Amino acid sequence: MQNVVHKYYKRNFGDFTILVQVNPVSLRGIELTVHANGEVEKRKMEFDEEIYDDLAEDEFKESSSLEFNLYLKGLTKGS
């Protein structure tokens, strides 16, 4: 089994926040949309090699794995 340190990104859009987890080896990940009412939508993603440029262009900032995983596991509400 290969150990991978994922990268995490976040952007707040006012009414919702998007958090992204990227596996830098496989370029796969998860995108979470966290709505103001606490609802969380989860999507599995496959990225291309330009994902980091795309995230920067869309003004995503690096964020914490802890925050991402709290939302992923349903242990927090709201954005």
C-alpha atoms as a PDB file:
ATOM      1  CA  MET A   1       0.000   0.000   0.000  1.00  0.00           C
ATOM      2  CA  GLN A   2       1.303   3.422  -0.927  1.00  0.00           C
ATOM      3  CA  ASN A   3       1.257   6.247   1.599  1.00  0.00           C
ATOM      4  CA  VAL A   4       0.101   9.550   0.129  1.00  0.00           C
ATOM      5  CA  VAL A   5      -0.167  12.983   1.693  1.00  0.00           C
ATOM      6  CA  HIS A   6      -3.220  14.593   0.137  1.00  0.00           C
ATOM      7  CA  LYS A   7      -3.441  18.302  -0.607  1.00  0.00           C
ATOM      8  CA  TYR A   8      -6.445  20.340   0.504  1.00  0.00           C
ATOM      9  CA  TYR A   9      -7.971  23.531  -0.878  1.00  0.00           C
ATOM     10  CA  LYS A  10     -10.894  25.752   0.049  1.00  0.00           C
ATOM     11  CA  ARG A  11     -12.918  28.647  -1.304  1.00  0.00           C
ATOM     12  CA  ASN A  12     -15.867  30.424   0.289  1.00  0.00           C
ATOM     13  CA  PHE A  13     -18.572  31.625  -2.113  1.00  0.00           C
ATOM     14  CA  GLY A  14     -20.785  33.317   0.508  1.00  0.00           C
ATOM     15  CA  ASP A  15     -23.774  30.943   0.532  1.00  0.00           C
ATOM     16  CA  PHE A  16     -21.577  27.855   0.308  1.00  0.00           C
ATOM     17  CA  THR A  17     -17.976  26.709   0.637  1.00  0.00           C
ATOM     18  CA  ILE A  18     -16.134  24.241  -1.569  1.00  0.00           C
ATOM     19  CA  LEU A  19     -13.379  22.071  -0.103  1.00  0.00           C
ATOM     20  CA  VAL A  20     -11.201  19.919  -2.361  1.00  0.00           C
ATOM     21  CA  GLN A  21      -8.954  16.965  -1.528  1.00  0.00           C
ATOM     22  CA  VAL A  22      -6.362  16.068  -4.187  1.00  0.00           C
ATOM     23  CA  ASN A  23      -4.238  12.934  -4.274  1.00  0.00           C
ATOM     24  CA  PRO A  24      -1.051  14.306  -5.903  1.00  0.00           C
ATOM     25  CA  VAL A  25      -0.033  10.863  -7.191  1.00  0.00           C
ATOM     26  CA  SER A  26      -3.246   9.614  -8.835  1.00  0.00           C
ATOM     27  CA  LEU A  27      -4.812  13.072  -9.387  1.00  0.00           C
ATOM     28  CA  ARG A  28      -8.063  11.775  -7.928  1.00  0.00           C
ATOM     29  CA  GLY A  29      -9.906  13.305  -5.052  1.00  0.00           C
ATOM     30  CA  ILE A  30     -13.080  14.465  -3.409  1.00  0.00           C
ATOM     31  CA  GLU A  31     -14.933  17.760  -3.660  1.00  0.00           C
ATOM     32  CA  LEU A  32     -17.265  18.813  -0.851  1.00  0.00           C
ATOM     33  CA  THR A  33     -19.832  21.577  -1.169  1.00  0.00           C
ATOM     34  CA  VAL A  34     -20.834  22.797   2.286  1.00  0.00           C
ATOM     35  CA  HIS A  35     -24.049  24.812   2.283  1.00  0.00           C
ATOM     36  CA  ALA A  36     -24.869  27.442   4.912  1.00  0.00           C
ATOM     37  CA  ASN A  37     -27.600  25.172   6.337  1.00  0.00           C
ATOM     38  CA  GLY A  38     -25.004  22.464   7.057  1.00  0.00           C
ATOM     39  CA  GLU A  39     -25.861  20.203   4.118  1.00  0.00           C
ATOM     40  CA  VAL A  40     -22.752  18.643   2.562  1.00  0.00           C
ATOM     41  CA  GLU A  41     -22.598  17.355  -1.012  1.00  0.00           C
ATOM     42  CA  LYS A  42     -19.761  14.956  -1.860  1.00  0.00           C
ATOM     43  CA  ARG A  43     -18.386  14.208  -5.324  1.00  0.00           C
ATOM     44  CA  LYS A  44     -15.543  11.898  -6.315  1.00  0.00           C
ATOM     45  CA  MET A  45     -13.317  13.642  -8.844  1.00  0.00           C
ATOM     46  CA  GLU A  46     -10.643  12.789 -11.394  1.00  0.00           C
ATOM     47  CA  PHE A  47      -8.334  15.712 -12.125  1.00  0.00           C
ATOM     48  CA  ASP A  48      -5.789  16.402 -14.836  1.00  0.00           C
ATOM     49  CA  GLU A  49      -2.223  17.619 -14.416  1.00  0.00           C
ATOM     50  CA  GLU A  50      -3.414  21.247 -14.532  1.00  0.00           C
ATOM     51  CA  ILE A  51      -5.513  20.973 -11.361  1.00  0.00           C
ATOM     52  CA  TYR A  52      -3.187  23.154  -9.284  1.00  0.00           C
ATOM     53  CA  ASP A  53      -3.220  25.928 -11.905  1.00  0.00           C
ATOM     54  CA  ASP A  54      -7.008  25.647 -12.137  1.00  0.00           C
ATOM     55  CA  LEU A  55      -7.425  25.915  -8.358  1.00  0.00           C
ATOM     56  CA  ALA A  56      -5.128  28.954  -8.216  1.00  0.00           C
ATOM     57  CA  GLU A  57      -6.967  30.639 -11.096  1.00  0.00           C
ATOM     58  CA  ASP A  58     -10.285  30.025  -9.311  1.00  0.00           C
ATOM     59  CA  GLU A  59      -8.803  31.593  -6.142  1.00  0.00           C
ATOM     60  CA  PHE A  60      -8.799  28.461  -3.991  1.00  0.00           C
ATOM     61  CA  LYS A  61      -6.406  28.619  -1.037  1.00  0.00           C
ATOM     62  CA  GLU A  62      -4.600  25.751   0.645  1.00  0.00           C
ATOM     63  CA  SER A  63      -6.517  24.564   3.689  1.00  0.00           C
ATOM     64  CA  SER A  64      -6.383  22.015   6.460  1.00  0.00           C
ATOM     65  CA  SER A  65      -6.978  18.294   6.262  1.00  0.00           C
ATOM     66  CA  LEU A  66      -8.716  18.486   9.637  1.00  0.00           C
ATOM     67  CA  GLU A  67     -11.444  20.842   8.400  1.00  0.00           C
ATOM     68  CA  PHE A  68     -12.004  18.755   5.263  1.00  0.00           C
ATOM     69  CA  ASN A  69     -12.267  15.509   7.218  1.00  0.00           C
ATOM     70  CA  LEU A  70     -14.637  16.968   9.825  1.00  0.00           C
ATOM     71  CA  TYR A  71     -17.074  17.841   7.025  1.00  0.00           C
ATOM     72  CA  LEU A  72     -16.472  14.546   5.219  1.00  0.00           C
ATOM     73  CA  LYS A  73     -17.330  12.563   8.360  1.00  0.00           C
ATOM     74  CA  GLY A  74     -20.330  14.783   9.206  1.00  0.00           C
ATOM     75  CA  LEU A  75     -18.828  16.018  12.476  1.00  0.00           C
ATOM     76  CA  THR A  76     -19.491  19.733  11.894  1.00  0.00           C
ATOM     77  CA  LYS A  77     -22.269  21.844  10.423  1.00  0.00           C
ATOM     78  CA  GLY A  78     -22.426  25.052   8.425  1.00  0.00           C
ATOM     79  CA  SER A  79     -19.617  26.929   6.714  1.00  0.00           C
END
